[in-house]
N, C-alpha and C. Protein backbone atom coordinates (compact mmCIF):
# COMPACT_ATOMS: atom_id res chain seq x y z
N UNK A 1 -144.02 35.40 6.90
CA UNK A 1 -144.66 34.21 6.28
C UNK A 1 -145.48 34.62 5.16
N UNK A 2 -146.57 35.35 5.74
CA UNK A 2 -147.36 35.77 4.43
C UNK A 2 -147.02 36.21 2.83
N UNK A 3 -146.06 37.17 3.24
CA UNK A 3 -145.33 37.27 2.03
C UNK A 3 -144.26 36.27 1.27
N UNK A 4 -144.37 34.84 2.30
CA UNK A 4 -143.50 33.61 1.68
C UNK A 4 -141.88 34.04 1.68
N UNK A 5 -141.81 34.76 2.87
CA UNK A 5 -139.95 34.73 2.84
C UNK A 5 -139.60 34.31 4.14
N UNK A 6 -139.47 32.87 4.27
CA UNK A 6 -139.60 31.69 5.13
C UNK A 6 -137.98 31.76 5.53
N UNK A 7 -137.13 32.35 4.95
CA UNK A 7 -136.06 32.70 5.64
C UNK A 7 -135.85 33.49 6.83
N UNK A 8 -136.81 34.50 6.30
CA UNK A 8 -136.80 35.66 7.70
C UNK A 8 -137.78 34.91 8.90
N UNK A 9 -138.49 34.43 8.34
CA UNK A 9 -139.54 33.93 9.34
C UNK A 9 -138.89 33.08 10.15
N UNK A 10 -137.94 31.98 9.47
CA UNK A 10 -137.34 30.48 10.19
C UNK A 10 -136.30 31.71 11.67
N UNK A 11 -135.75 32.64 10.57
CA UNK A 11 -134.73 33.84 11.62
C UNK A 11 -135.29 34.39 12.66
N UNK A 12 -136.61 34.46 12.87
CA UNK A 12 -137.54 35.43 13.80
C UNK A 12 -137.60 34.49 14.95
N UNK A 13 -138.32 33.26 14.35
CA UNK A 13 -138.65 32.56 15.16
C UNK A 13 -137.61 31.74 16.05
N UNK A 14 -136.23 31.62 15.25
CA UNK A 14 -134.91 31.10 16.29
C UNK A 14 -134.90 32.29 16.97
N UNK A 15 -135.09 33.65 17.03
CA UNK A 15 -134.64 34.38 17.71
C UNK A 15 -135.48 34.89 18.68
N UNK A 16 -136.78 34.32 18.39
CA UNK A 16 -138.07 34.33 19.67
C UNK A 16 -137.72 33.12 20.73
N UNK A 17 -137.26 32.22 20.11
CA UNK A 17 -136.92 30.93 20.94
C UNK A 17 -135.68 31.18 21.67
N UNK A 18 -134.67 31.50 20.90
CA UNK A 18 -133.62 31.65 21.93
C UNK A 18 -133.77 32.67 23.02
N UNK A 19 -134.05 33.77 22.83
CA UNK A 19 -134.95 35.06 23.64
C UNK A 19 -135.51 34.73 24.86
N UNK A 20 -136.20 33.46 24.89
CA UNK A 20 -136.89 33.16 25.67
C UNK A 20 -136.16 31.93 26.35
N UNK A 21 -135.41 31.39 25.86
CA UNK A 21 -134.74 30.56 26.49
C UNK A 21 -133.90 30.79 27.20
N UNK A 22 -133.38 31.79 26.78
CA UNK A 22 -132.28 33.13 27.59
C UNK A 22 -132.89 33.69 28.62
N UNK A 23 -134.13 34.35 28.49
CA UNK A 23 -135.20 35.05 29.40
C UNK A 23 -135.23 34.52 30.68
N UNK A 24 -135.70 32.90 30.42
CA UNK A 24 -135.83 31.65 31.24
C UNK A 24 -134.72 31.56 32.07
N UNK A 25 -133.41 31.19 31.24
CA UNK A 25 -132.34 30.76 32.16
C UNK A 25 -131.85 31.92 33.21
N UNK A 26 -132.02 33.18 32.16
CA UNK A 26 -131.27 34.53 33.46
C UNK A 26 -132.27 34.57 34.53
N UNK A 27 -133.82 34.42 34.92
CA UNK A 27 -134.48 34.84 35.64
C UNK A 27 -134.19 33.55 36.86
N UNK A 28 -134.05 32.19 36.30
CA UNK A 28 -134.02 31.36 37.31
C UNK A 28 -132.55 31.36 37.88
N UNK A 29 -131.32 31.92 36.85
CA UNK A 29 -129.99 31.63 37.59
C UNK A 29 -129.54 32.72 38.79
N UNK A 30 -130.45 34.44 38.44
CA UNK A 30 -130.16 35.18 39.13
C UNK A 30 -131.59 35.54 39.86
N UNK A 31 -132.44 34.71 39.99
CA UNK A 31 -133.66 34.49 40.75
C UNK A 31 -134.11 36.21 40.64
N UNK A 32 -134.57 36.01 39.46
CA UNK A 32 -135.37 37.62 38.97
C UNK A 32 -136.92 37.36 38.56
N UNK A 33 -137.16 35.97 39.15
CA UNK A 33 -138.53 35.32 38.78
C UNK A 33 -139.75 36.24 39.68
N UNK A 34 -141.09 36.52 39.62
CA UNK A 34 -142.02 37.00 40.01
C UNK A 34 -143.37 36.50 39.42
N UNK A 35 -144.01 36.63 40.32
CA UNK A 35 -145.76 35.82 39.64
C UNK A 35 -145.93 36.77 38.73
N UNK A 36 -145.79 38.15 38.36
CA UNK A 36 -146.28 38.45 37.06
C UNK A 36 -145.64 37.81 35.97
N UNK A 37 -144.12 37.81 36.15
CA UNK A 37 -143.54 37.04 35.03
C UNK A 37 -143.87 35.37 34.81
N UNK A 38 -144.46 35.03 35.75
CA UNK A 38 -145.04 33.49 35.72
C UNK A 38 -145.96 33.05 34.88
N UNK A 39 -146.96 34.52 34.54
CA UNK A 39 -148.20 34.58 34.08
C UNK A 39 -148.02 35.04 32.63
N UNK A 40 -147.23 35.85 32.41
CA UNK A 40 -146.93 36.75 31.30
C UNK A 40 -146.24 36.24 30.43
N UNK A 41 -144.81 35.26 30.55
CA UNK A 41 -144.09 34.71 29.47
C UNK A 41 -144.54 33.40 29.29
N UNK A 42 -145.22 32.60 29.70
CA UNK A 42 -146.02 31.39 29.52
C UNK A 42 -147.31 32.32 28.20
N UNK A 43 -147.80 33.30 28.51
CA UNK A 43 -148.75 33.85 27.65
C UNK A 43 -148.28 34.42 26.54
N UNK A 44 -146.92 34.80 26.21
CA UNK A 44 -146.24 35.51 25.29
C UNK A 44 -145.94 34.33 24.43
N UNK A 45 -145.32 33.25 25.17
CA UNK A 45 -145.09 32.02 24.22
C UNK A 45 -145.92 31.14 23.61
N UNK A 46 -147.18 31.46 24.27
CA UNK A 46 -148.43 30.79 23.23
C UNK A 46 -149.16 31.87 22.71
N UNK A 47 -148.76 33.11 23.06
CA UNK A 47 -149.18 33.68 21.88
C UNK A 47 -148.70 33.66 20.64
N UNK A 48 -147.07 33.54 20.82
CA UNK A 48 -146.46 33.38 19.43
C UNK A 48 -146.38 31.80 18.49
N UNK A 49 -146.95 30.91 19.68
CA UNK A 49 -147.00 29.79 19.19
C UNK A 49 -148.73 29.60 18.08
N UNK A 50 -149.57 30.45 18.76
CA UNK A 50 -150.94 30.54 18.39
C UNK A 50 -150.89 31.04 16.99
N UNK A 51 -150.12 32.45 17.40
CA UNK A 51 -150.22 33.37 15.55
C UNK A 51 -149.37 32.55 14.46
N UNK A 52 -148.24 31.85 15.07
CA UNK A 52 -147.66 31.14 13.93
C UNK A 52 -148.60 29.95 13.59
N UNK A 53 -149.40 29.26 14.27
CA UNK A 53 -150.10 28.22 13.77
C UNK A 53 -151.24 28.75 13.45
N UNK A 54 -151.41 29.85 13.36
CA UNK A 54 -153.16 30.46 12.79
C UNK A 54 -152.55 30.62 11.28
N UNK A 55 -151.37 31.47 11.38
CA UNK A 55 -150.56 32.00 10.04
C UNK A 55 -150.45 30.58 9.16
N UNK A 56 -149.69 29.41 9.63
CA UNK A 56 -149.55 28.57 8.79
C UNK A 56 -150.77 27.67 8.59
N UNK A 57 -151.90 28.01 9.27
CA UNK A 57 -153.32 27.11 8.55
C UNK A 57 -153.84 28.10 7.95
N UNK A 58 -154.01 29.42 8.04
CA UNK A 58 -154.39 30.30 6.96
C UNK A 58 -153.78 30.13 5.57
N UNK A 59 -152.54 30.07 5.58
CA UNK A 59 -151.72 29.31 4.10
C UNK A 59 -152.07 28.09 3.76
N UNK A 60 -152.62 27.26 4.63
CA UNK A 60 -152.71 25.77 4.39
C UNK A 60 -151.73 24.74 4.06
N UNK A 61 -150.70 25.50 5.21
CA UNK A 61 -149.46 24.63 5.42
C UNK A 61 -149.59 23.76 7.01
N UNK A 62 -150.92 24.19 7.66
CA UNK A 62 -151.40 23.34 8.65
C UNK A 62 -152.59 23.05 8.53
N UNK A 63 -153.14 21.58 8.70
CA UNK A 63 -155.08 21.50 8.91
C UNK A 63 -155.75 22.59 9.93
N UNK A 64 -156.87 23.09 9.62
CA UNK A 64 -157.66 23.66 10.42
C UNK A 64 -157.76 22.75 11.39
N UNK A 65 -158.56 21.61 11.58
CA UNK A 65 -158.61 21.11 13.18
C UNK A 65 -157.43 20.98 13.77
N UNK A 66 -155.97 21.00 13.17
CA UNK A 66 -155.33 20.89 14.15
C UNK A 66 -154.91 22.16 14.89
N UNK A 67 -155.39 23.64 14.77
CA UNK A 67 -155.03 24.86 15.16
C UNK A 67 -156.57 24.73 16.00
N UNK A 68 -157.60 24.25 16.00
CA UNK A 68 -158.51 24.19 16.86
C UNK A 68 -158.05 23.54 18.06
N UNK A 69 -157.72 22.12 17.71
CA UNK A 69 -157.37 21.30 18.68
C UNK A 69 -156.27 21.80 19.69
N UNK A 70 -155.29 22.65 19.58
CA UNK A 70 -154.30 23.08 19.74
C UNK A 70 -154.89 24.75 20.74
N UNK A 71 -156.00 25.36 19.70
CA UNK A 71 -156.53 26.63 20.35
C UNK A 71 -157.45 25.84 21.86
N UNK A 72 -157.96 24.59 21.48
CA UNK A 72 -159.20 24.32 22.37
C UNK A 72 -158.40 24.03 23.70
N UNK A 73 -157.20 23.17 24.06
CA UNK A 73 -156.59 22.76 24.62
C UNK A 73 -156.26 24.55 25.70
N UNK A 74 -155.19 25.18 25.10
CA UNK A 74 -155.08 26.40 25.46
C UNK A 74 -156.40 26.97 26.29
N UNK A 75 -157.09 27.67 25.54
CA UNK A 75 -158.57 27.43 26.19
C UNK A 75 -159.11 26.97 27.74
N UNK A 76 -159.06 25.72 27.18
CA UNK A 76 -159.27 25.05 27.88
C UNK A 76 -158.55 25.07 29.96
N UNK A 77 -157.19 25.15 29.51
CA UNK A 77 -156.28 25.79 30.13
C UNK A 77 -156.57 27.08 31.06
N UNK A 78 -156.71 27.96 30.30
CA UNK A 78 -156.86 29.25 30.91
C UNK A 78 -158.05 29.18 31.27
N UNK A 79 -159.48 28.64 30.90
CA UNK A 79 -160.41 28.87 31.87
C UNK A 79 -160.36 28.04 32.90
N UNK A 80 -159.66 27.09 32.66
CA UNK A 80 -159.75 26.34 34.13
C UNK A 80 -158.51 26.83 35.04
N UNK A 81 -157.78 27.50 34.82
CA UNK A 81 -156.80 28.58 35.98
C UNK A 81 -157.69 29.47 36.29
N UNK A 82 -157.98 30.19 35.41
CA UNK A 82 -158.96 31.22 36.04
C UNK A 82 -160.26 30.76 36.94
N UNK A 83 -160.99 29.77 36.23
CA UNK A 83 -162.00 29.29 37.26
C UNK A 83 -161.38 29.13 38.75
N UNK A 84 -160.29 28.46 38.73
CA UNK A 84 -159.44 27.59 40.37
C UNK A 84 -159.07 29.23 41.13
N UNK A 85 -158.76 30.47 40.24
CA UNK A 85 -158.45 31.46 40.98
C UNK A 85 -159.24 32.15 41.62
N UNK A 86 -160.71 32.09 40.70
CA UNK A 86 -161.80 32.83 41.32
C UNK A 86 -162.39 31.84 42.49
N UNK A 87 -162.85 30.69 42.47
CA UNK A 87 -163.07 29.99 43.28
C UNK A 87 -162.40 30.01 44.50
N UNK A 88 -160.98 30.09 44.34
CA UNK A 88 -159.91 29.33 45.14
C UNK A 88 -158.77 30.16 45.73
N UNK A 89 -158.70 31.07 45.04
CA UNK A 89 -157.71 32.29 44.78
C UNK A 89 -156.27 31.67 44.33
N UNK A 90 -155.21 32.02 44.94
CA UNK A 90 -153.86 31.91 44.28
C UNK A 90 -153.61 30.79 44.17
N UNK A 91 -152.91 30.43 42.96
CA UNK A 91 -152.40 29.38 43.16
C UNK A 91 -150.68 29.32 42.27
N UNK A 92 -150.22 28.56 42.24
CA UNK A 92 -148.67 28.13 41.75
C UNK A 92 -148.63 27.98 40.65
N UNK A 93 -148.36 28.71 39.09
CA UNK A 93 -148.48 28.23 37.69
C UNK A 93 -147.41 27.69 37.26
N UNK A 94 -147.04 26.39 37.40
CA UNK A 94 -145.99 25.78 37.00
C UNK A 94 -146.56 24.85 36.19
N UNK A 95 -145.59 25.04 34.94
CA UNK A 95 -146.23 23.98 34.25
C UNK A 95 -146.25 22.49 34.17
N UNK A 96 -146.77 21.81 33.73
CA UNK A 96 -146.51 20.17 33.51
C UNK A 96 -145.65 19.85 32.45
N UNK A 97 -144.77 18.56 32.71
CA UNK A 97 -144.00 18.12 31.70
C UNK A 97 -144.09 18.02 30.83
N UNK A 98 -145.70 17.30 30.69
CA UNK A 98 -146.48 16.98 29.43
C UNK A 98 -146.73 17.92 28.57
N UNK A 99 -146.86 19.48 28.96
CA UNK A 99 -147.39 20.50 28.66
C UNK A 99 -145.95 21.16 28.26
N UNK A 100 -144.72 21.08 28.74
CA UNK A 100 -143.01 21.20 28.36
C UNK A 100 -143.26 20.52 26.75
N UNK A 101 -143.34 19.29 26.75
CA UNK A 101 -143.38 18.16 25.90
C UNK A 101 -144.31 18.74 24.62
N UNK A 102 -145.20 19.00 25.10
CA UNK A 102 -146.26 19.69 24.33
C UNK A 102 -145.86 20.78 23.20
N UNK A 103 -145.34 21.64 24.13
CA UNK A 103 -144.91 22.94 23.51
C UNK A 103 -143.23 22.76 22.66
N UNK A 104 -142.43 21.60 22.73
CA UNK A 104 -141.16 21.61 22.18
C UNK A 104 -141.77 20.57 20.93
N UNK A 105 -142.98 19.85 20.61
CA UNK A 105 -143.41 19.22 19.50
C UNK A 105 -143.93 20.13 18.92
N UNK A 106 -145.09 21.29 18.97
CA UNK A 106 -145.04 22.40 18.49
C UNK A 106 -144.42 23.29 17.75
N UNK A 107 -143.01 23.53 18.65
CA UNK A 107 -142.61 24.40 17.97
C UNK A 107 -141.57 23.77 16.83
N UNK A 108 -141.15 22.26 17.08
CA UNK A 108 -140.65 21.36 16.04
C UNK A 108 -141.53 21.64 15.17
N UNK A 109 -142.57 21.23 14.81
CA UNK A 109 -143.86 21.56 13.73
C UNK A 109 -143.37 22.77 12.97
N UNK A 110 -143.75 23.62 14.00
CA UNK A 110 -143.37 25.33 13.39
C UNK A 110 -142.16 25.24 12.45
N UNK A 111 -141.12 25.02 12.67
CA UNK A 111 -139.91 25.22 12.41
C UNK A 111 -139.70 24.13 11.01
N UNK A 112 -140.20 23.43 11.15
CA UNK A 112 -140.53 21.95 10.38
C UNK A 112 -140.74 22.38 8.81
N UNK A 113 -142.18 22.87 9.27
CA UNK A 113 -143.16 23.44 8.19
C UNK A 113 -142.57 24.91 7.70
N UNK A 114 -142.03 25.71 8.33
CA UNK A 114 -140.88 26.81 7.50
C UNK A 114 -140.13 26.28 6.86
N UNK A 115 -139.06 25.65 7.14
CA UNK A 115 -138.01 24.79 6.90
C UNK A 115 -138.46 24.32 5.40
N UNK A 116 -139.56 23.74 5.23
CA UNK A 116 -139.79 22.81 4.36
C UNK A 116 -140.44 23.43 3.36
N UNK A 117 -141.04 24.70 3.53
CA UNK A 117 -141.26 25.64 2.02
C UNK A 117 -139.96 26.06 1.45
N UNK A 118 -139.07 26.28 2.48
CA UNK A 118 -137.78 26.90 1.79
C UNK A 118 -136.84 25.86 1.20
N UNK A 119 -136.39 25.00 1.77
CA UNK A 119 -135.42 23.84 1.56
C UNK A 119 -135.85 22.31 1.76
N UNK A 120 -136.93 22.32 2.31
CA UNK A 120 -136.96 20.26 2.12
C UNK A 120 -138.37 20.15 1.69
N UNK A 121 -138.81 20.58 0.81
CA UNK A 121 -140.01 20.41 0.28
C UNK A 121 -140.72 18.67 0.50
N UNK A 122 -139.55 17.71 0.36
CA UNK A 122 -139.70 16.62 0.44
C UNK A 122 -139.69 15.84 1.56
N UNK A 123 -140.17 16.59 3.04
CA UNK A 123 -139.72 16.23 4.39
C UNK A 123 -141.43 16.02 4.66
N UNK A 124 -142.25 15.55 3.65
CA UNK A 124 -143.91 15.65 4.25
C UNK A 124 -143.91 14.51 5.21
N UNK A 125 -143.44 13.58 5.29
CA UNK A 125 -143.65 11.88 6.37
C UNK A 125 -143.28 12.99 7.90
N UNK A 126 -142.37 13.39 7.78
CA UNK A 126 -141.64 14.27 9.12
C UNK A 126 -142.62 15.41 9.67
N UNK A 127 -143.40 15.90 8.66
CA UNK A 127 -144.50 17.19 9.44
C UNK A 127 -145.60 16.32 9.74
N UNK A 128 -146.00 15.16 9.07
CA UNK A 128 -146.73 14.08 9.40
C UNK A 128 -147.03 13.68 10.71
N UNK A 129 -145.78 13.34 10.80
CA UNK A 129 -145.16 12.54 12.30
C UNK A 129 -145.34 13.36 13.20
N UNK A 130 -144.89 14.63 13.04
CA UNK A 130 -145.16 15.77 14.11
C UNK A 130 -146.50 16.06 14.50
N UNK A 131 -147.05 16.16 13.36
CA UNK A 131 -148.78 16.71 13.62
C UNK A 131 -149.05 15.49 14.63
N UNK A 132 -148.83 14.50 14.35
CA UNK A 132 -149.65 13.44 15.29
C UNK A 132 -148.83 13.49 16.45
N UNK A 133 -147.70 13.68 16.91
CA UNK A 133 -146.89 14.23 18.29
C UNK A 133 -147.66 15.03 18.71
N UNK A 134 -147.59 16.18 17.86
CA UNK A 134 -148.65 17.41 18.53
C UNK A 134 -150.25 17.67 19.26
N UNK A 135 -150.78 16.15 18.22
CA UNK A 135 -152.12 15.71 18.45
C UNK A 135 -152.31 15.05 20.26
N UNK A 136 -151.13 13.87 20.20
CA UNK A 136 -150.94 12.89 21.15
C UNK A 136 -150.74 13.98 22.54
N UNK A 137 -149.65 14.99 22.30
CA UNK A 137 -149.08 15.35 23.10
C UNK A 137 -150.15 16.76 23.99
N UNK A 138 -151.12 17.07 22.84
CA UNK A 138 -152.31 17.96 23.31
C UNK A 138 -153.00 16.98 23.75
N UNK A 139 -153.64 16.04 23.77
CA UNK A 139 -154.57 15.20 24.42
C UNK A 139 -154.19 15.01 25.61
N UNK A 140 -153.04 14.55 25.92
CA UNK A 140 -152.15 14.14 27.15
C UNK A 140 -151.99 15.22 27.95
N UNK A 141 -151.65 16.07 27.29
CA UNK A 141 -151.35 17.12 28.65
C UNK A 141 -152.45 18.17 28.78
N UNK A 142 -153.51 18.07 27.78
CA UNK A 142 -154.85 18.76 28.30
C UNK A 142 -155.40 18.06 29.12
N UNK A 143 -155.29 16.52 29.12
CA UNK A 143 -155.94 15.77 30.07
C UNK A 143 -155.61 15.65 31.64
N UNK A 144 -153.60 15.99 31.51
CA UNK A 144 -153.34 15.95 32.40
C UNK A 144 -153.38 17.10 33.31
N UNK A 145 -153.87 18.23 32.74
CA UNK A 145 -154.11 19.43 33.46
C UNK A 145 -155.60 19.66 34.00
N UNK A 146 -156.54 18.90 33.44
CA UNK A 146 -157.80 18.51 34.08
C UNK A 146 -157.70 17.67 35.44
N UNK A 147 -157.00 16.52 35.22
CA UNK A 147 -156.68 15.36 36.49
C UNK A 147 -155.95 16.32 37.56
N UNK A 148 -154.74 17.26 37.55
CA UNK A 148 -154.11 18.14 38.26
C UNK A 148 -154.97 18.73 38.81
N UNK A 149 -156.04 20.09 37.87
CA UNK A 149 -156.72 20.80 38.43
C UNK A 149 -157.76 20.74 39.25
N UNK A 150 -158.24 19.60 38.74
CA UNK A 150 -159.77 19.03 39.26
C UNK A 150 -159.15 18.47 40.63
N UNK A 151 -158.18 17.80 40.74
CA UNK A 151 -157.65 17.45 42.35
C UNK A 151 -157.04 18.11 43.27
N UNK A 152 -156.77 19.47 42.41
CA UNK A 152 -156.11 20.32 43.78
C UNK A 152 -157.95 21.21 44.01
N UNK A 153 -158.83 21.38 43.20
CA UNK A 153 -160.09 21.82 43.65
C UNK A 153 -160.82 20.92 44.34
N UNK A 154 -160.31 19.94 44.37
CA UNK A 154 -161.30 18.41 44.73
C UNK A 154 -160.82 18.82 46.19
N UNK A 155 -159.33 18.88 46.47
CA UNK A 155 -158.92 18.73 47.75
C UNK A 155 -158.98 20.26 48.46
N UNK A 156 -159.14 21.45 48.17
CA UNK A 156 -159.63 22.57 48.37
C UNK A 156 -160.89 22.80 49.10
N UNK A 157 -161.86 21.83 47.77
CA UNK A 157 -163.21 21.93 48.55
C UNK A 157 -163.41 21.32 49.87
N UNK A 158 -162.70 20.11 50.10
CA UNK A 158 -162.71 19.02 51.09
C UNK A 158 -162.13 20.03 52.33
N UNK A 159 -161.27 20.66 51.81
CA UNK A 159 -160.29 21.43 53.05
C UNK A 159 -161.13 22.30 53.88
N UNK A 160 -162.26 22.77 53.13
CA UNK A 160 -163.04 24.33 53.78
C UNK A 160 -164.43 23.15 54.24
């Protein structure tokens, strides 16, 4: 992307998305799931998305405040999960539906911004709409994680 080869960037992002989907399907279908995989897979997904968001922000194709909001939510989730693990032990890493929707909006925004650069420069309205959908889903999913993890921690505390 930094070399403005958006066709190659789109191809690579599409390959990453398809391979991630295939990996998840195979893991579920053949019961190849593991605790390590349940931690590494979402972290790899987030790393790709954050790196892409950071690159698009650096290129001034996405606003800095959006990158900071997305990063803030991710840091909040990781810190909350780590704190829960340190205080109460192992837990099940299952993504919330609001988080899955957030990821879909983030991926859609990245793809649209890349496509805009090469083929659809007039689609600015769509990217603005997707930016606000990402903002809403970041706030909703971040808040839901706080409520769910807070409730789980409260139950664990009262159990002991």
